[in-house]
mmCIF file of all heavy atoms, coordinates in Angstrom:
data_MODEL
# 
_entry.id   MODEL 
# 
loop_
_atom_site.group_PDB 
_atom_site.id 
_atom_site.type_symbol 
_atom_site.label_atom_id 
_atom_site.label_alt_id 
_atom_site.label_comp_id 
_atom_site.label_asym_id 
_atom_site.label_entity_id 
_atom_site.label_seq_id 
_atom_site.pdbx_PDB_ins_code 
_atom_site.Cartn_x 
_atom_site.Cartn_y 
_atom_site.Cartn_z 
_atom_site.occupancy 
_atom_site.B_iso_or_equiv 
_atom_site.pdbx_formal_charge 
_atom_site.auth_seq_id 
_atom_site.auth_comp_id 
_atom_site.auth_asym_id 
_atom_site.auth_atom_id 
_atom_site.pdbx_PDB_model_num 
ATOM 1   N N   . VAL A 1 1  ? 36.337 134.779 -63.459 1.00 0.00 ? 1  VAL A N   1 
ATOM 2   C CA  . VAL A 1 1  ? 37.074 133.952 -62.457 1.00 0.00 ? 1  VAL A CA  1 
ATOM 3   C C   . VAL A 1 1  ? 36.650 134.376 -61.007 1.00 0.00 ? 1  VAL A C   1 
ATOM 4   O O   . VAL A 1 1  ? 36.342 133.456 -60.216 1.00 0.00 ? 1  VAL A O   1 
ATOM 5   C CB  . VAL A 1 1  ? 38.557 134.120 -62.632 1.00 0.00 ? 1  VAL A CB  1 
ATOM 6   C CG1 . VAL A 1 1  ? 39.290 133.540 -61.401 1.00 0.00 ? 1  VAL A CG1 1 
ATOM 7   C CG2 . VAL A 1 1  ? 39.014 133.387 -63.920 1.00 0.00 ? 1  VAL A CG2 1 
ATOM 8   N N   . PRO A 1 2  ? 36.586 135.653 -60.646 1.00 0.00 ? 2  PRO A N   1 
ATOM 9   C CA  . PRO A 1 2  ? 36.200 136.007 -59.257 1.00 0.00 ? 2  PRO A CA  1 
ATOM 10  C C   . PRO A 1 2  ? 34.736 135.802 -58.923 1.00 0.00 ? 2  PRO A C   1 
ATOM 11  O O   . PRO A 1 2  ? 34.392 135.774 -57.719 1.00 0.00 ? 2  PRO A O   1 
ATOM 12  C CB  . PRO A 1 2  ? 36.579 137.459 -59.122 1.00 0.00 ? 2  PRO A CB  1 
ATOM 13  C CG  . PRO A 1 2  ? 37.408 137.802 -60.370 1.00 0.00 ? 2  PRO A CG  1 
ATOM 14  C CD  . PRO A 1 2  ? 36.973 136.839 -61.399 1.00 0.00 ? 2  PRO A CD  1 
ATOM 15  N N   . GLU A 1 3  ? 33.900 135.569 -59.978 1.00 0.00 ? 3  GLU A N   1 
ATOM 16  C CA  . GLU A 1 3  ? 32.478 135.407 -59.767 1.00 0.00 ? 3  GLU A CA  1 
ATOM 17  C C   . GLU A 1 3  ? 31.938 136.592 -58.954 1.00 0.00 ? 3  GLU A C   1 
ATOM 18  O O   . GLU A 1 3  ? 31.066 136.484 -58.037 1.00 0.00 ? 3  GLU A O   1 
ATOM 19  C CB  . GLU A 1 3  ? 32.092 134.109 -59.100 1.00 0.00 ? 3  GLU A CB  1 
ATOM 20  C CG  . GLU A 1 3  ? 32.546 132.865 -59.910 1.00 0.00 ? 3  GLU A CG  1 
ATOM 21  C CD  . GLU A 1 3  ? 32.039 131.601 -59.378 1.00 0.00 ? 3  GLU A CD  1 
ATOM 22  O OE1 . GLU A 1 3  ? 31.571 131.520 -58.194 1.00 0.00 ? 3  GLU A OE1 1 
ATOM 23  O OE2 . GLU A 1 3  ? 32.011 130.611 -60.141 1.00 0.00 ? 3  GLU A OE2 1 
ATOM 24  N N   . ALA A 1 4  ? 32.374 137.810 -59.335 1.00 0.00 ? 4  ALA A N   1 
ATOM 25  C CA  . ALA A 1 4  ? 31.984 139.009 -58.570 1.00 0.00 ? 4  ALA A CA  1 
ATOM 26  C C   . ALA A 1 4  ? 31.474 140.123 -59.447 1.00 0.00 ? 4  ALA A C   1 
ATOM 27  O O   . ALA A 1 4  ? 31.439 141.264 -59.057 1.00 0.00 ? 4  ALA A O   1 
ATOM 28  C CB  . ALA A 1 4  ? 33.198 139.545 -57.810 1.00 0.00 ? 4  ALA A CB  1 
ATOM 29  N N   . GLY A 1 5  ? 31.039 139.833 -60.695 1.00 0.00 ? 5  GLY A N   1 
ATOM 30  C CA  . GLY A 1 5  ? 30.368 140.775 -61.493 1.00 0.00 ? 5  GLY A CA  1 
ATOM 31  C C   . GLY A 1 5  ? 31.172 141.616 -62.449 1.00 0.00 ? 5  GLY A C   1 
ATOM 32  O O   . GLY A 1 5  ? 32.363 141.219 -62.752 1.00 0.00 ? 5  GLY A O   1 
ATOM 33  N N   . ASP A 1 6  ? 30.584 142.709 -62.899 1.00 0.00 ? 6  ASP A N   1 
ATOM 34  C CA  . ASP A 1 6  ? 31.080 143.405 -64.062 1.00 0.00 ? 6  ASP A CA  1 
ATOM 35  C C   . ASP A 1 6  ? 32.247 144.365 -63.694 1.00 0.00 ? 6  ASP A C   1 
ATOM 36  O O   . ASP A 1 6  ? 32.383 144.822 -62.542 1.00 0.00 ? 6  ASP A O   1 
ATOM 37  C CB  . ASP A 1 6  ? 29.974 144.295 -64.617 1.00 0.00 ? 6  ASP A CB  1 
ATOM 38  C CG  . ASP A 1 6  ? 28.805 143.450 -65.188 1.00 0.00 ? 6  ASP A CG  1 
ATOM 39  O OD1 . ASP A 1 6  ? 29.061 142.298 -65.478 1.00 0.00 ? 6  ASP A OD1 1 
ATOM 40  O OD2 . ASP A 1 6  ? 27.727 143.992 -65.279 1.00 0.00 ? 6  ASP A OD2 1 
ATOM 41  N N   . TRP A 1 7  ? 33.097 144.542 -64.726 1.00 0.00 ? 7  TRP A N   1 
ATOM 42  C CA  . TRP A 1 7  ? 34.218 145.551 -64.691 1.00 0.00 ? 7  TRP A CA  1 
ATOM 43  C C   . TRP A 1 7  ? 35.126 145.202 -63.490 1.00 0.00 ? 7  TRP A C   1 
ATOM 44  O O   . TRP A 1 7  ? 35.825 146.145 -62.993 1.00 0.00 ? 7  TRP A O   1 
ATOM 45  C CB  . TRP A 1 7  ? 33.620 146.952 -64.609 1.00 0.00 ? 7  TRP A CB  1 
ATOM 46  C CG  . TRP A 1 7  ? 33.168 147.528 -65.877 1.00 0.00 ? 7  TRP A CG  1 
ATOM 47  C CD1 . TRP A 1 7  ? 32.648 146.828 -66.970 1.00 0.00 ? 7  TRP A CD1 1 
ATOM 48  C CD2 . TRP A 1 7  ? 33.232 148.847 -66.328 1.00 0.00 ? 7  TRP A CD2 1 
ATOM 49  N NE1 . TRP A 1 7  ? 32.339 147.704 -67.991 1.00 0.00 ? 7  TRP A NE1 1 
ATOM 50  C CE2 . TRP A 1 7  ? 32.679 148.923 -67.609 1.00 0.00 ? 7  TRP A CE2 1 
ATOM 51  C CE3 . TRP A 1 7  ? 33.583 150.074 -65.746 1.00 0.00 ? 7  TRP A CE3 1 
ATOM 52  C CZ2 . TRP A 1 7  ? 32.530 150.142 -68.358 1.00 0.00 ? 7  TRP A CZ2 1 
ATOM 53  C CZ3 . TRP A 1 7  ? 33.470 151.247 -66.426 1.00 0.00 ? 7  TRP A CZ3 1 
ATOM 54  C CH2 . TRP A 1 7  ? 32.988 151.267 -67.737 1.00 0.00 ? 7  TRP A CH2 1 
ATOM 55  N N   . TYR A 1 8  ? 35.302 143.988 -63.213 1.00 0.00 ? 8  TYR A N   1 
ATOM 56  C CA  . TYR A 1 8  ? 36.170 143.575 -62.080 1.00 0.00 ? 8  TYR A CA  1 
ATOM 57  C C   . TYR A 1 8  ? 37.585 144.014 -62.321 1.00 0.00 ? 8  TYR A C   1 
ATOM 58  O O   . TYR A 1 8  ? 38.296 144.476 -61.460 1.00 0.00 ? 8  TYR A O   1 
ATOM 59  C CB  . TYR A 1 8  ? 36.052 142.054 -61.873 1.00 0.00 ? 8  TYR A CB  1 
ATOM 60  C CG  . TYR A 1 8  ? 36.761 141.612 -60.581 1.00 0.00 ? 8  TYR A CG  1 
ATOM 61  C CD1 . TYR A 1 8  ? 36.052 141.500 -59.402 1.00 0.00 ? 8  TYR A CD1 1 
ATOM 62  C CD2 . TYR A 1 8  ? 38.107 141.269 -60.594 1.00 0.00 ? 8  TYR A CD2 1 
ATOM 63  C CE1 . TYR A 1 8  ? 36.661 141.086 -58.230 1.00 0.00 ? 8  TYR A CE1 1 
ATOM 64  C CE2 . TYR A 1 8  ? 38.732 140.805 -59.438 1.00 0.00 ? 8  TYR A CE2 1 
ATOM 65  C CZ  . TYR A 1 8  ? 37.982 140.731 -58.263 1.00 0.00 ? 8  TYR A CZ  1 
ATOM 66  O OH  . TYR A 1 8  ? 38.562 140.297 -57.100 1.00 0.00 ? 8  TYR A OH  1 
ATOM 67  N N   . ALA A 1 9  ? 38.083 143.788 -63.604 1.00 0.00 ? 9  ALA A N   1 
ATOM 68  C CA  . ALA A 1 9  ? 39.543 144.042 -63.828 1.00 0.00 ? 9  ALA A CA  1 
ATOM 69  C C   . ALA A 1 9  ? 39.900 145.501 -63.669 1.00 0.00 ? 9  ALA A C   1 
ATOM 70  O O   . ALA A 1 9  ? 40.987 145.896 -63.380 1.00 0.00 ? 9  ALA A O   1 
ATOM 71  C CB  . ALA A 1 9  ? 39.882 143.538 -65.261 1.00 0.00 ? 9  ALA A CB  1 
ATOM 72  N N   . ARG A 1 10 ? 38.928 146.383 -63.938 1.00 0.00 ? 10 ARG A N   1 
ATOM 73  C CA  . ARG A 1 10 ? 39.156 147.816 -63.712 1.00 0.00 ? 10 ARG A CA  1 
ATOM 74  C C   . ARG A 1 10 ? 38.978 148.225 -62.271 1.00 0.00 ? 10 ARG A C   1 
ATOM 75  O O   . ARG A 1 10 ? 39.834 148.895 -61.641 1.00 0.00 ? 10 ARG A O   1 
ATOM 76  C CB  . ARG A 1 10 ? 38.243 148.652 -64.590 1.00 0.00 ? 10 ARG A CB  1 
ATOM 77  C CG  . ARG A 1 10 ? 38.282 150.139 -64.273 1.00 0.00 ? 10 ARG A CG  1 
ATOM 78  C CD  . ARG A 1 10 ? 37.305 150.915 -65.170 1.00 0.00 ? 10 ARG A CD  1 
ATOM 79  N NE  . ARG A 1 10 ? 37.188 152.305 -64.660 1.00 0.00 ? 10 ARG A NE  1 
ATOM 80  C CZ  . ARG A 1 10 ? 37.923 153.344 -64.952 1.00 0.00 ? 10 ARG A CZ  1 
ATOM 81  N NH1 . ARG A 1 10 ? 39.013 153.141 -65.760 1.00 0.00 ? 10 ARG A NH1 1 
ATOM 82  N NH2 . ARG A 1 10 ? 37.753 154.586 -64.451 1.00 0.00 ? 10 ARG A NH2 1 
ATOM 83  N N   . ASN A 1 11 ? 37.883 147.803 -61.665 1.00 0.00 ? 11 ASN A N   1 
ATOM 84  C CA  . ASN A 1 11 ? 37.505 148.307 -60.387 1.00 0.00 ? 11 ASN A CA  1 
ATOM 85  C C   . ASN A 1 11 ? 38.310 147.664 -59.258 1.00 0.00 ? 11 ASN A C   1 
ATOM 86  O O   . ASN A 1 11 ? 38.406 148.300 -58.131 1.00 0.00 ? 11 ASN A O   1 
ATOM 87  C CB  . ASN A 1 11 ? 36.022 147.989 -60.116 1.00 0.00 ? 11 ASN A CB  1 
ATOM 88  C CG  . ASN A 1 11 ? 35.155 148.887 -61.044 1.00 0.00 ? 11 ASN A CG  1 
ATOM 89  O OD1 . ASN A 1 11 ? 35.552 149.895 -61.521 1.00 0.00 ? 11 ASN A OD1 1 
ATOM 90  N ND2 . ASN A 1 11 ? 33.920 148.357 -61.253 1.00 0.00 ? 11 ASN A ND2 1 
ATOM 91  N N   . MET A 1 12 ? 38.986 146.551 -59.523 1.00 0.00 ? 12 MET A N   1 
ATOM 92  C CA  . MET A 1 12 ? 39.828 145.958 -58.449 1.00 0.00 ? 12 MET A CA  1 
ATOM 93  C C   . MET A 1 12 ? 41.049 146.871 -58.149 1.00 0.00 ? 12 MET A C   1 
ATOM 94  O O   . MET A 1 12 ? 41.677 146.724 -57.137 1.00 0.00 ? 12 MET A O   1 
ATOM 95  C CB  . MET A 1 12 ? 40.276 144.632 -58.777 1.00 0.00 ? 12 MET A CB  1 
ATOM 96  C CG  . MET A 1 12 ? 41.034 144.532 -60.181 1.00 0.00 ? 12 MET A CG  1 
ATOM 97  S SD  . MET A 1 12 ? 42.041 143.031 -60.380 1.00 0.00 ? 12 MET A SD  1 
ATOM 98  C CE  . MET A 1 12 ? 43.475 143.420 -59.401 1.00 0.00 ? 12 MET A CE  1 
ATOM 99  N N   . TYR A 1 13 ? 41.265 147.811 -59.009 1.00 0.00 ? 13 TYR A N   1 
ATOM 100 C CA  . TYR A 1 13 ? 42.413 148.752 -58.847 1.00 0.00 ? 13 TYR A CA  1 
ATOM 101 C C   . TYR A 1 13 ? 41.908 150.114 -58.376 1.00 0.00 ? 13 TYR A C   1 
ATOM 102 O O   . TYR A 1 13 ? 42.676 151.114 -58.341 1.00 0.00 ? 13 TYR A O   1 
ATOM 103 C CB  . TYR A 1 13 ? 43.155 148.924 -60.162 1.00 0.00 ? 13 TYR A CB  1 
ATOM 104 C CG  . TYR A 1 13 ? 43.920 147.719 -60.577 1.00 0.00 ? 13 TYR A CG  1 
ATOM 105 C CD1 . TYR A 1 13 ? 43.464 146.989 -61.707 1.00 0.00 ? 13 TYR A CD1 1 
ATOM 106 C CD2 . TYR A 1 13 ? 45.091 147.331 -59.981 1.00 0.00 ? 13 TYR A CD2 1 
ATOM 107 C CE1 . TYR A 1 13 ? 44.164 145.894 -62.165 1.00 0.00 ? 13 TYR A CE1 1 
ATOM 108 C CE2 . TYR A 1 13 ? 45.813 146.252 -60.437 1.00 0.00 ? 13 TYR A CE2 1 
ATOM 109 C CZ  . TYR A 1 13 ? 45.353 145.499 -61.459 1.00 0.00 ? 13 TYR A CZ  1 
ATOM 110 O OH  . TYR A 1 13 ? 46.012 144.410 -61.945 1.00 0.00 ? 13 TYR A OH  1 
ATOM 111 N N   . MET A 1 14 ? 40.616 150.165 -57.861 1.00 0.00 ? 14 MET A N   1 
ATOM 112 C CA  . MET A 1 14 ? 40.122 151.397 -57.334 1.00 0.00 ? 14 MET A CA  1 
ATOM 113 C C   . MET A 1 14 ? 39.815 151.166 -55.838 1.00 0.00 ? 14 MET A C   1 
ATOM 114 O O   . MET A 1 14 ? 38.798 150.565 -55.491 1.00 0.00 ? 14 MET A O   1 
ATOM 115 C CB  . MET A 1 14 ? 38.860 151.823 -58.135 1.00 0.00 ? 14 MET A CB  1 
ATOM 116 C CG  . MET A 1 14 ? 39.244 152.145 -59.593 1.00 0.00 ? 14 MET A CG  1 
ATOM 117 S SD  . MET A 1 14 ? 37.766 152.784 -60.537 1.00 0.00 ? 14 MET A SD  1 
ATOM 118 C CE  . MET A 1 14 ? 37.588 154.398 -59.750 1.00 0.00 ? 14 MET A CE  1 
ATOM 119 N N   . GLN A 1 15 ? 40.662 151.703 -55.049 1.00 0.00 ? 15 GLN A N   1 
ATOM 120 C CA  . GLN A 1 15 ? 40.535 151.529 -53.587 1.00 0.00 ? 15 GLN A CA  1 
ATOM 121 C C   . GLN A 1 15 ? 39.238 151.961 -53.122 1.00 0.00 ? 15 GLN A C   1 
ATOM 122 O O   . GLN A 1 15 ? 38.750 153.047 -53.457 1.00 0.00 ? 15 GLN A O   1 
ATOM 123 C CB  . GLN A 1 15 ? 41.700 152.259 -52.884 1.00 0.00 ? 15 GLN A CB  1 
ATOM 124 C CG  . GLN A 1 15 ? 41.728 152.005 -51.363 1.00 0.00 ? 15 GLN A CG  1 
ATOM 125 C CD  . GLN A 1 15 ? 42.804 152.842 -50.647 1.00 0.00 ? 15 GLN A CD  1 
ATOM 126 O OE1 . GLN A 1 15 ? 43.272 153.856 -51.185 1.00 0.00 ? 15 GLN A OE1 1 
ATOM 127 N NE2 . GLN A 1 15 ? 43.232 152.458 -49.458 1.00 0.00 ? 15 GLN A NE2 1 
ATOM 128 N N   . GLY A 1 16 ? 38.579 151.174 -52.306 1.00 0.00 ? 16 GLY A N   1 
ATOM 129 C CA  . GLY A 1 16 ? 37.282 151.513 -51.696 1.00 0.00 ? 16 GLY A CA  1 
ATOM 130 C C   . GLY A 1 16 ? 36.131 150.901 -52.490 1.00 0.00 ? 16 GLY A C   1 
ATOM 131 O O   . GLY A 1 16 ? 35.000 150.826 -51.967 1.00 0.00 ? 16 GLY A O   1 
ATOM 132 N N   . SER A 1 17 ? 36.411 150.320 -53.703 1.00 0.00 ? 17 SER A N   1 
ATOM 133 C CA  . SER A 1 17 ? 35.325 149.691 -54.405 1.00 0.00 ? 17 SER A CA  1 
ATOM 134 C C   . SER A 1 17 ? 35.097 148.302 -53.919 1.00 0.00 ? 17 SER A C   1 
ATOM 135 O O   . SER A 1 17 ? 35.929 147.717 -53.234 1.00 0.00 ? 17 SER A O   1 
ATOM 136 C CB  . SER A 1 17 ? 35.666 149.651 -55.961 1.00 0.00 ? 17 SER A CB  1 
ATOM 137 O OG  . SER A 1 17 ? 36.699 148.694 -56.162 1.00 0.00 ? 17 SER A OG  1 
ATOM 138 N N   . GLY A 1 18 ? 33.923 147.729 -54.278 1.00 0.00 ? 18 GLY A N   1 
ATOM 139 C CA  . GLY A 1 18 ? 33.650 146.375 -53.863 1.00 0.00 ? 18 GLY A CA  1 
ATOM 140 C C   . GLY A 1 18 ? 34.647 145.409 -54.498 1.00 0.00 ? 18 GLY A C   1 
ATOM 141 O O   . GLY A 1 18 ? 35.025 144.387 -53.851 1.00 0.00 ? 18 GLY A O   1 
ATOM 142 N N   . ALA A 1 19 ? 35.026 145.638 -55.734 1.00 0.00 ? 19 ALA A N   1 
ATOM 143 C CA  . ALA A 1 19 ? 35.973 144.725 -56.391 1.00 0.00 ? 19 ALA A CA  1 
ATOM 144 C C   . ALA A 1 19 ? 37.326 144.777 -55.741 1.00 0.00 ? 19 ALA A C   1 
ATOM 145 O O   . ALA A 1 19 ? 37.986 143.759 -55.544 1.00 0.00 ? 19 ALA A O   1 
ATOM 146 C CB  . ALA A 1 19 ? 36.070 145.067 -57.898 1.00 0.00 ? 19 ALA A CB  1 
ATOM 147 N N   . TYR A 1 20 ? 37.762 146.008 -55.368 1.00 0.00 ? 20 TYR A N   1 
ATOM 148 C CA  . TYR A 1 20 ? 39.056 146.105 -54.651 1.00 0.00 ? 20 TYR A CA  1 
ATOM 149 C C   . TYR A 1 20 ? 39.049 145.374 -53.352 1.00 0.00 ? 20 TYR A C   1 
ATOM 150 O O   . TYR A 1 20 ? 40.004 144.568 -53.053 1.00 0.00 ? 20 TYR A O   1 
ATOM 151 C CB  . TYR A 1 20 ? 39.329 147.588 -54.375 1.00 0.00 ? 20 TYR A CB  1 
ATOM 152 C CG  . TYR A 1 20 ? 40.565 147.896 -53.525 1.00 0.00 ? 20 TYR A CG  1 
ATOM 153 C CD1 . TYR A 1 20 ? 41.783 148.145 -54.111 1.00 0.00 ? 20 TYR A CD1 1 
ATOM 154 C CD2 . TYR A 1 20 ? 40.463 147.906 -52.131 1.00 0.00 ? 20 TYR A CD2 1 
ATOM 155 C CE1 . TYR A 1 20 ? 42.905 148.441 -53.341 1.00 0.00 ? 20 TYR A CE1 1 
ATOM 156 C CE2 . TYR A 1 20 ? 41.578 148.156 -51.399 1.00 0.00 ? 20 TYR A CE2 1 
ATOM 157 C CZ  . TYR A 1 20 ? 42.802 148.390 -51.951 1.00 0.00 ? 20 TYR A CZ  1 
ATOM 158 O OH  . TYR A 1 20 ? 43.872 148.664 -51.140 1.00 0.00 ? 20 TYR A OH  1 
ATOM 159 N N   . THR A 1 21 ? 37.982 145.504 -52.585 1.00 0.00 ? 21 THR A N   1 
ATOM 160 C CA  . THR A 1 21 ? 37.880 144.803 -51.307 1.00 0.00 ? 21 THR A CA  1 
ATOM 161 C C   . THR A 1 21 ? 37.885 143.283 -51.454 1.00 0.00 ? 21 THR A C   1 
ATOM 162 O O   . THR A 1 21 ? 38.533 142.567 -50.781 1.00 0.00 ? 21 THR A O   1 
ATOM 163 C CB  . THR A 1 21 ? 36.604 145.261 -50.584 1.00 0.00 ? 21 THR A CB  1 
ATOM 164 O OG1 . THR A 1 21 ? 36.655 146.734 -50.372 1.00 0.00 ? 21 THR A OG1 1 
ATOM 165 C CG2 . THR A 1 21 ? 36.430 144.530 -49.218 1.00 0.00 ? 21 THR A CG2 1 
ATOM 166 N N   . HIS A 1 22 ? 37.124 142.851 -52.487 1.00 0.00 ? 22 HIS A N   1 
ATOM 167 C CA  . HIS A 1 22 ? 37.133 141.412 -52.809 1.00 0.00 ? 22 HIS A CA  1 
ATOM 168 C C   . HIS A 1 22 ? 38.437 140.847 -53.195 1.00 0.00 ? 22 HIS A C   1 
ATOM 169 O O   . HIS A 1 22 ? 38.896 139.816 -52.769 1.00 0.00 ? 22 HIS A O   1 
ATOM 170 C CB  . HIS A 1 22 ? 36.107 141.141 -53.922 1.00 0.00 ? 22 HIS A CB  1 
ATOM 171 C CG  . HIS A 1 22 ? 35.998 139.714 -54.327 1.00 0.00 ? 22 HIS A CG  1 
ATOM 172 N ND1 . HIS A 1 22 ? 36.789 139.165 -55.286 1.00 0.00 ? 22 HIS A ND1 1 
ATOM 173 C CD2 . HIS A 1 22 ? 35.091 138.732 -53.904 1.00 0.00 ? 22 HIS A CD2 1 
ATOM 174 C CE1 . HIS A 1 22 ? 36.514 137.863 -55.407 1.00 0.00 ? 22 HIS A CE1 1 
ATOM 175 N NE2 . HIS A 1 22 ? 35.474 137.595 -54.615 1.00 0.00 ? 22 HIS A NE2 1 
ATOM 176 N N   . PHE A 1 23 ? 39.151 141.649 -54.021 1.00 0.00 ? 23 PHE A N   1 
ATOM 177 C CA  . PHE A 1 23 ? 40.449 141.205 -54.528 1.00 0.00 ? 23 PHE A CA  1 
ATOM 178 C C   . PHE A 1 23 ? 41.482 141.078 -53.379 1.00 0.00 ? 23 PHE A C   1 
ATOM 179 O O   . PHE A 1 23 ? 42.197 140.071 -53.283 1.00 0.00 ? 23 PHE A O   1 
ATOM 180 C CB  . PHE A 1 23 ? 40.961 142.105 -55.643 1.00 0.00 ? 23 PHE A CB  1 
ATOM 181 C CG  . PHE A 1 23 ? 42.201 141.620 -56.327 1.00 0.00 ? 23 PHE A CG  1 
ATOM 182 C CD1 . PHE A 1 23 ? 42.164 140.737 -57.337 1.00 0.00 ? 23 PHE A CD1 1 
ATOM 183 C CD2 . PHE A 1 23 ? 43.466 141.983 -55.880 1.00 0.00 ? 23 PHE A CD2 1 
ATOM 184 C CE1 . PHE A 1 23 ? 43.244 140.211 -57.985 1.00 0.00 ? 23 PHE A CE1 1 
ATOM 185 C CE2 . PHE A 1 23 ? 44.641 141.518 -56.482 1.00 0.00 ? 23 PHE A CE2 1 
ATOM 186 C CZ  . PHE A 1 23 ? 44.509 140.603 -57.523 1.00 0.00 ? 23 PHE A CZ  1 
ATOM 187 N N   . VAL A 1 24 ? 41.543 142.131 -52.586 1.00 0.00 ? 24 VAL A N   1 
ATOM 188 C CA  . VAL A 1 24 ? 42.474 142.094 -51.471 1.00 0.00 ? 24 VAL A CA  1 
ATOM 189 C C   . VAL A 1 24 ? 42.189 140.983 -50.550 1.00 0.00 ? 24 VAL A C   1 
ATOM 190 O O   . VAL A 1 24 ? 43.177 140.282 -50.077 1.00 0.00 ? 24 VAL A O   1 
ATOM 191 C CB  . VAL A 1 24 ? 42.416 143.446 -50.707 1.00 0.00 ? 24 VAL A CB  1 
ATOM 192 C CG1 . VAL A 1 24 ? 43.216 143.423 -49.420 1.00 0.00 ? 24 VAL A CG1 1 
ATOM 193 C CG2 . VAL A 1 24 ? 42.984 144.590 -51.624 1.00 0.00 ? 24 VAL A CG2 1 
ATOM 194 N N   . LYS A 1 25 ? 40.934 140.717 -50.245 1.00 0.00 ? 25 LYS A N   1 
ATOM 195 C CA  . LYS A 1 25 ? 40.649 139.574 -49.319 1.00 0.00 ? 25 LYS A CA  1 
ATOM 196 C C   . LYS A 1 25 ? 40.853 138.267 -49.964 1.00 0.00 ? 25 LYS A C   1 
ATOM 197 O O   . LYS A 1 25 ? 41.323 137.332 -49.250 1.00 0.00 ? 25 LYS A O   1 
ATOM 198 C CB  . LYS A 1 25 ? 39.121 139.758 -49.003 1.00 0.00 ? 25 LYS A CB  1 
ATOM 199 C CG  . LYS A 1 25 ? 38.603 138.656 -48.033 1.00 0.00 ? 25 LYS A CG  1 
ATOM 200 C CD  . LYS A 1 25 ? 37.149 138.860 -47.696 1.00 0.00 ? 25 LYS A CD  1 
ATOM 201 C CE  . LYS A 1 25 ? 36.601 137.733 -46.808 1.00 0.00 ? 25 LYS A CE  1 
ATOM 202 N NZ  . LYS A 1 25 ? 35.177 137.922 -46.500 1.00 0.00 ? 25 LYS A NZ  1 
ATOM 203 N N   . THR A 1 26 ? 40.667 138.093 -51.243 1.00 0.00 ? 26 THR A N   1 
ATOM 204 C CA  . THR A 1 26 ? 40.723 136.822 -51.950 1.00 0.00 ? 26 THR A CA  1 
ATOM 205 C C   . THR A 1 26 ? 42.058 136.492 -52.490 1.00 0.00 ? 26 THR A C   1 
ATOM 206 O O   . THR A 1 26 ? 42.578 135.348 -52.411 1.00 0.00 ? 26 THR A O   1 
ATOM 207 C CB  . THR A 1 26 ? 39.678 136.732 -53.044 1.00 0.00 ? 26 THR A CB  1 
ATOM 208 O OG1 . THR A 1 26 ? 38.380 137.134 -52.541 1.00 0.00 ? 26 THR A OG1 1 
ATOM 209 C CG2 . THR A 1 26 ? 39.545 135.313 -53.609 1.00 0.00 ? 26 THR A CG2 1 
ATOM 210 N N   . TYR A 1 27 ? 42.760 137.497 -53.087 1.00 0.00 ? 27 TYR A N   1 
ATOM 211 C CA  . TYR A 1 27 ? 43.973 137.221 -53.817 1.00 0.00 ? 27 TYR A CA  1 
ATOM 212 C C   . TYR A 1 27 ? 45.218 138.005 -53.282 1.00 0.00 ? 27 TYR A C   1 
ATOM 213 O O   . TYR A 1 27 ? 46.324 137.535 -53.530 1.00 0.00 ? 27 TYR A O   1 
ATOM 214 C CB  . TYR A 1 27 ? 43.767 137.580 -55.267 1.00 0.00 ? 27 TYR A CB  1 
ATOM 215 C CG  . TYR A 1 27 ? 42.624 136.906 -55.923 1.00 0.00 ? 27 TYR A CG  1 
ATOM 216 C CD1 . TYR A 1 27 ? 41.448 137.557 -56.206 1.00 0.00 ? 27 TYR A CD1 1 
ATOM 217 C CD2 . TYR A 1 27 ? 42.682 135.509 -56.222 1.00 0.00 ? 27 TYR A CD2 1 
ATOM 218 C CE1 . TYR A 1 27 ? 40.333 136.965 -56.850 1.00 0.00 ? 27 TYR A CE1 1 
ATOM 219 C CE2 . TYR A 1 27 ? 41.617 134.934 -56.785 1.00 0.00 ? 27 TYR A CE2 1 
ATOM 220 C CZ  . TYR A 1 27 ? 40.400 135.615 -57.121 1.00 0.00 ? 27 TYR A CZ  1 
ATOM 221 O OH  . TYR A 1 27 ? 39.340 134.977 -57.705 1.00 0.00 ? 27 TYR A OH  1 
ATOM 222 N N   . GLY A 1 28 ? 45.015 139.114 -52.610 1.00 0.00 ? 28 GLY A N   1 
ATOM 223 C CA  . GLY A 1 28 ? 46.114 139.854 -52.149 1.00 0.00 ? 28 GLY A CA  1 
ATOM 224 C C   . GLY A 1 28 ? 46.028 141.335 -52.572 1.00 0.00 ? 28 GLY A C   1 
ATOM 225 O O   . GLY A 1 28 ? 45.121 141.675 -53.283 1.00 0.00 ? 28 GLY A O   1 
ATOM 226 N N   . HIS A 1 29 ? 46.978 142.103 -52.196 1.00 0.00 ? 29 HIS A N   1 
ATOM 227 C CA  . HIS A 1 29 ? 47.025 143.537 -52.544 1.00 0.00 ? 29 HIS A CA  1 
ATOM 228 C C   . HIS A 1 29 ? 47.486 143.678 -53.997 1.00 0.00 ? 29 HIS A C   1 
ATOM 229 O O   . HIS A 1 29 ? 48.383 143.005 -54.471 1.00 0.00 ? 29 HIS A O   1 
ATOM 230 C CB  . HIS A 1 29 ? 47.967 144.267 -51.618 1.00 0.00 ? 29 HIS A CB  1 
ATOM 231 C CG  . HIS A 1 29 ? 47.847 145.726 -51.712 1.00 0.00 ? 29 HIS A CG  1 
ATOM 232 N ND1 . HIS A 1 29 ? 48.415 146.559 -52.648 1.00 0.00 ? 29 HIS A ND1 1 
ATOM 233 C CD2 . HIS A 1 29 ? 47.043 146.644 -50.973 1.00 0.00 ? 29 HIS A CD2 1 
ATOM 234 C CE1 . HIS A 1 29 ? 48.040 147.820 -52.546 1.00 0.00 ? 29 HIS A CE1 1 
ATOM 235 N NE2 . HIS A 1 29 ? 47.207 147.868 -51.538 1.00 0.00 ? 29 HIS A NE2 1 
# 
């Protein structure tokens, strides 16, 4: 769904990662 690559569901919960930054910007905290 985010079109942002691998392990997004894990890494979006790791502050400082690219996935976290993308998620906060796109969907919220």
